Protein backbone atom coordinates (compact mmCIF):
# COMPACT_ATOMS: atom_id res chain seq x y z
CA UNK A 1 19.40 13.63 30.58
CA UNK A 2 19.74 17.36 31.24
CA UNK A 3 22.54 16.58 33.67
CA UNK A 4 24.54 15.42 30.67
CA UNK A 5 23.97 18.75 28.94
CA UNK A 6 25.25 20.69 31.93
CA UNK A 7 28.46 18.76 32.20
CA UNK A 8 29.23 18.38 28.52
CA UNK A 9 29.30 22.15 28.02
CA UNK A 10 32.35 22.18 30.28
CA UNK A 11 34.30 19.86 28.05
CA UNK A 12 35.66 22.46 25.67
CA UNK A 13 37.75 24.06 28.41
CA UNK A 14 38.40 20.91 30.38
CA UNK A 15 39.97 18.40 28.02
CA UNK A 16 43.68 17.76 28.45
CA UNK A 17 45.99 16.21 25.86
CA UNK A 18 48.89 14.22 27.26
CA UNK A 19 51.36 13.39 24.50
CA UNK A 20 54.44 11.22 24.78
CA UNK A 21 57.44 11.15 22.45
CA UNK A 22 56.02 9.95 19.15
CA UNK A 23 56.11 10.66 15.44
CA UNK A 24 52.30 10.74 15.38
CA UNK A 25 51.05 13.53 17.69
CA UNK A 26 47.45 13.63 18.81
CA UNK A 27 45.28 15.70 16.47
CA UNK A 28 43.77 18.00 19.09
CA UNK A 29 42.32 20.34 16.46
CA UNK A 30 40.23 17.63 14.81
CA UNK A 31 39.25 16.22 18.18
CA UNK A 32 37.99 19.64 19.29
CA UNK A 33 35.90 19.93 16.12
CA UNK A 34 34.42 16.47 16.64
CA UNK A 35 33.79 17.21 20.31
CA UNK A 36 32.00 20.47 19.52
CA UNK A 37 29.73 18.75 17.01
CA UNK A 38 29.06 15.77 19.28
CA UNK A 39 28.18 18.11 22.13
CA UNK A 40 25.70 19.90 19.83
CA UNK A 41 24.19 16.55 18.79
CA UNK A 42 23.66 15.53 22.42
CA UNK A 43 21.88 18.81 23.16
CA UNK A 44 19.85 18.54 19.96
CA UNK A 45 18.82 15.00 20.87
CA UNK A 46 17.62 16.12 24.28
CA UNK A 47 15.44 18.95 23.00
CA UNK A 48 14.08 16.92 20.10
CA UNK A 49 12.94 14.17 22.46
CA UNK A 50 11.53 16.74 24.87
CA UNK A 51 9.45 18.30 22.08
CA UNK A 52 8.29 15.04 20.53
CA UNK A 53 7.29 13.59 23.90
CA UNK A 54 5.15 16.68 24.43
CA UNK A 55 3.57 16.59 20.97
CA UNK A 56 2.71 12.91 20.85
CA UNK A 57 0.51 13.22 23.92
CA UNK A 58 -2.16 14.89 21.81
CA UNK A 59 -1.54 14.00 18.18
CA UNK A 60 -0.08 11.52 15.74
CA UNK A 61 3.41 12.75 14.92
CA UNK A 62 4.57 9.76 12.87
CA UNK A 63 3.34 11.26 9.60
CA UNK A 64 5.91 14.07 9.71
CA UNK A 65 9.70 14.29 9.35
CA UNK A 66 11.17 16.03 12.41
CA UNK A 67 14.36 17.95 13.10
CA UNK A 68 15.57 20.57 15.56
CA UNK A 69 17.70 23.69 15.29
CA UNK A 70 18.91 26.42 17.61
CA UNK A 71 17.93 30.07 17.15
CA UNK A 72 18.69 32.89 19.60
CA UNK A 73 19.69 30.38 22.28
CA UNK A 74 16.32 28.61 22.02
CA UNK A 75 15.77 25.17 20.53
CA UNK A 76 13.11 24.79 17.86
CA UNK A 77 11.61 21.56 16.54
CA UNK A 78 9.75 21.44 13.25
CA UNK A 79 7.84 18.70 11.49
CA UNK A 80 6.73 18.57 7.89
CA UNK A 81 6.27 16.66 4.67
CA UNK A 82 7.29 16.95 1.04
CA UNK A 83 4.56 18.48 -1.13
CA UNK A 84 5.22 19.13 -4.84
CA UNK A 85 8.93 18.52 -4.24
CA UNK A 86 9.06 21.18 -1.52
CA UNK A 87 9.31 20.64 2.24
CA UNK A 88 6.18 22.05 3.89
CA UNK A 89 6.32 22.81 7.62
CA UNK A 90 3.20 21.52 9.41
CA UNK A 91 4.27 21.96 13.04
CA UNK A 92 6.74 24.28 14.77
CA UNK A 93 7.36 24.32 18.52
CA UNK A 94 10.13 25.67 20.72
CA UNK A 95 11.46 25.23 24.25
CA UNK A 96 11.78 28.24 26.56
CA UNK A 97 14.38 28.71 29.30
CA UNK A 98 12.29 26.58 31.68
CA UNK A 99 12.04 23.76 29.13
CA UNK A 100 8.37 24.37 28.49
CA UNK A 101 7.24 23.45 24.98
CA UNK A 102 4.79 25.67 23.09
CA UNK A 103 3.78 26.55 19.54
CA UNK A 104 6.09 29.02 17.85
CA UNK A 105 4.50 31.90 15.96
CA UNK A 106 7.46 34.26 15.52
CA UNK A 107 9.86 34.75 12.64
CA UNK A 108 12.52 32.25 11.62
CA UNK A 109 14.68 31.37 8.64
CA UNK A 110 12.05 29.48 6.69
CA UNK A 111 14.28 29.04 3.62
CA UNK A 112 16.92 27.20 5.68
CA UNK A 113 14.24 25.06 7.30
CA UNK A 114 12.78 24.10 3.94
CA UNK A 115 16.26 23.18 2.69
CA UNK A 116 17.02 21.17 5.83
CA UNK A 117 13.70 19.38 5.63
CA UNK A 118 14.27 18.43 2.01
CA UNK A 119 17.75 17.12 2.85
CA UNK A 120 16.33 15.10 5.74
CA UNK A 121 13.63 13.49 3.60
CA UNK A 122 16.16 12.56 0.91
CA UNK A 123 18.67 11.19 3.42
CA UNK A 124 15.96 9.16 5.16
CA UNK A 125 15.03 7.57 1.87
CA UNK A 126 18.66 6.68 1.13
CA UNK A 127 19.22 5.41 4.66
CA UNK A 128 16.17 3.13 4.62
CA UNK A 129 18.23 0.20 3.32
CA UNK A 130 20.44 0.41 6.43
CA UNK A 131 17.44 0.49 8.74
CA UNK A 132 15.83 -2.48 7.01
CA UNK A 133 18.99 -4.59 7.01
CA UNK A 134 20.16 -3.81 10.54
CA UNK A 135 16.85 -3.94 12.45
CA UNK A 136 18.23 -1.18 14.68
CA UNK A 137 16.72 2.11 15.80
CA UNK A 138 18.50 5.31 14.80
CA UNK A 139 18.30 8.98 15.68
CA UNK A 140 18.60 11.54 12.89
CA UNK A 141 20.00 15.06 13.13
CA UNK A 142 20.18 18.00 10.73
CA UNK A 143 23.21 20.25 11.16
CA UNK A 144 23.97 23.50 9.32
CA UNK A 145 27.71 23.47 8.64
CA UNK A 146 30.02 26.48 8.61
CA UNK A 147 30.73 26.00 4.89
CA UNK A 148 26.99 26.49 4.11
CA UNK A 149 26.38 22.80 3.51
CA UNK A 150 23.76 20.77 5.36
CA UNK A 151 24.58 17.47 7.06
CA UNK A 152 22.08 14.79 8.00
CA UNK A 153 23.51 12.48 10.64
CA UNK A 154 22.30 9.02 11.59
CA UNK A 155 23.52 7.58 14.90
CA UNK A 156 22.24 4.53 16.80
CA UNK A 157 19.56 5.36 19.36
CA UNK A 158 19.07 3.60 22.68
CA UNK A 159 17.46 0.34 21.61
CA UNK A 160 14.13 -0.88 23.07
CA UNK A 161 16.08 -3.79 24.57
CA UNK A 162 17.98 -1.34 26.77
CA UNK A 163 21.21 -1.62 24.81
CA UNK A 164 23.33 1.31 23.64
CA UNK A 165 25.06 0.80 20.29
CA UNK A 166 28.41 2.08 19.03
CA UNK A 167 30.59 1.40 16.01
CA UNK A 168 28.63 2.99 13.18
CA UNK A 169 27.65 6.47 11.98
CA UNK A 170 26.52 8.06 8.73
CA UNK A 171 26.70 11.66 7.52
CA UNK A 172 24.91 12.68 4.31
CA UNK A 173 26.17 16.08 3.14
CA UNK A 174 23.97 18.32 0.94
CA UNK A 175 24.36 21.71 -0.66
CA UNK A 176 22.69 24.72 0.96
CA UNK A 177 19.42 24.11 -0.92
CA UNK A 178 19.08 20.59 0.44
CA UNK A 179 18.43 19.32 -3.07
CA UNK A 180 21.85 18.03 -4.11
CA UNK A 181 23.73 15.42 -2.12
CA UNK A 182 27.47 16.12 -2.26
CA UNK A 183 28.92 13.11 -0.45
CA UNK A 184 28.38 10.38 2.10
CA UNK A 185 30.74 9.98 5.04
CA UNK A 186 30.19 6.62 6.71
CA UNK A 187 32.01 4.85 9.51
CA UNK A 188 31.16 1.21 10.14
CA UNK A 189 33.34 -0.71 12.54
CA UNK A 190 32.50 -3.70 14.68
CA UNK A 191 28.96 -2.68 15.67
CA UNK A 192 28.59 -3.44 19.37
CA UNK A 193 25.72 -3.26 21.85
CA UNK A 194 26.26 -2.76 25.57
CA UNK A 195 23.72 -2.99 28.38
CA UNK A 196 22.93 0.18 30.27
CA UNK A 197 22.73 -0.07 34.05
CA UNK A 198 25.84 -2.17 34.69
CA UNK A 199 28.50 0.32 35.91
CA UNK A 200 31.94 -0.68 34.66
CA UNK A 201 34.84 0.60 32.62
CA UNK A 202 34.08 0.47 28.91
CA UNK A 203 36.56 0.34 26.02
CA UNK A 204 35.31 1.41 22.58
CA UNK A 205 37.17 -0.18 19.67
CA UNK A 206 37.89 2.55 17.10
CA UNK A 207 41.35 1.30 16.17
CA UNK A 208 40.76 1.91 12.46
CA UNK A 209 40.45 5.68 13.05
CA UNK A 210 43.23 8.15 13.83
CA UNK A 211 41.12 10.34 16.15
CA UNK A 212 37.88 9.69 18.07
CA UNK A 213 34.98 10.01 15.63
CA UNK A 214 31.91 12.16 16.16
CA UNK A 215 29.84 9.04 16.85
CA UNK A 216 32.24 7.66 19.44
CA UNK A 217 32.30 10.97 21.31
CA UNK A 218 28.50 11.24 21.05
CA UNK A 219 28.20 7.79 22.62
CA UNK A 220 30.60 8.76 25.41
CA UNK A 221 28.76 12.00 26.20
CA UNK A 222 25.34 10.34 26.04
CA UNK A 223 26.07 7.32 28.22
CA UNK A 224 29.09 8.34 30.28
CA UNK A 225 27.08 8.56 33.51
CA UNK A 226 26.18 4.88 33.21
CA UNK A 227 29.79 3.71 33.28
CA UNK A 228 32.67 4.27 35.66
CA UNK A 229 34.88 5.35 32.74
CA UNK A 230 34.82 5.20 28.95
CA UNK A 231 37.96 4.90 26.84
CA UNK A 232 38.05 5.35 23.05
CA UNK A 233 40.82 3.19 21.63
CA UNK A 234 42.01 4.60 18.27
CA UNK A 235 44.95 3.75 16.03
CA UNK A 236 47.41 6.17 17.64
CA UNK A 237 45.93 7.03 21.04
CA UNK A 238 43.53 6.20 23.83
CA UNK A 239 41.10 8.99 24.75
CA UNK A 240 39.49 8.81 28.18
CA UNK A 241 36.65 10.80 29.63
CA UNK A 242 36.49 10.74 33.41
CA UNK A 243 35.10 12.76 36.31
CA UNK A 244 37.43 14.65 38.62
CA UNK A 245 37.03 15.11 42.39
CA UNK A 246 34.92 18.24 41.84
CA UNK A 247 32.43 16.39 39.65
CA UNK A 248 33.61 17.90 36.37
CA UNK A 249 34.36 15.80 33.31
CA UNK A 250 37.73 16.01 31.59
CA UNK A 251 39.34 14.35 28.58
CA UNK A 252 42.85 12.92 28.48
CA UNK A 253 44.64 11.51 25.44
CA UNK A 254 47.50 9.05 25.80
CA UNK A 255 49.62 8.40 22.73
CA UNK A 256 50.38 4.71 22.14
């Protein structure tokens, strides 16, 4: 998994947009934003799983709501519950530069963590109907946005069957207190499961979007090593992530 983190950090400088004569140019600005966020989500997913795998060896972690954030280049994972309408942090660990997990006793932005925790609890409650109706496993992420809002993302996790899922993603956006939900951004296409461990070229159908979504890029970054090549087929272009002769990943975008 960490191999993915090493190579995805190179994507910002490596992606190439190839545009042909068309009245609908590729939106490289929006793609870069989605790529940056998806790259963060992949890294967050790695460190969250690393921390939770460590914690569940010695204690029951299912009673807490968990999320991770980055502070001073270190990843922190906190777990807590709602008490008297406030998010109370019960556990706080962090990963050092050698990926060792230990209890964190230093200073951190507790107000932001309480707000993020409250947003996560609320979003989880709202999202429960999707979980119950889909019978799928999801990963959740809390992201502090540049406009001081808080987003809670839900993306399909690797299923116990060994299938990876694409075609759906949810973003619940809250104010900076985590108490007021501002909007829901949802993308639901033809939800598709693919088996991991069968190397082949994979086409992702996102033809009802104008640019690869955060979820489609997250899927590509997370599972790219399991396929020879992944192409994201959108309304106006086909975005392809592939490995060059030096082992580095690059993006290309061909306008239809």
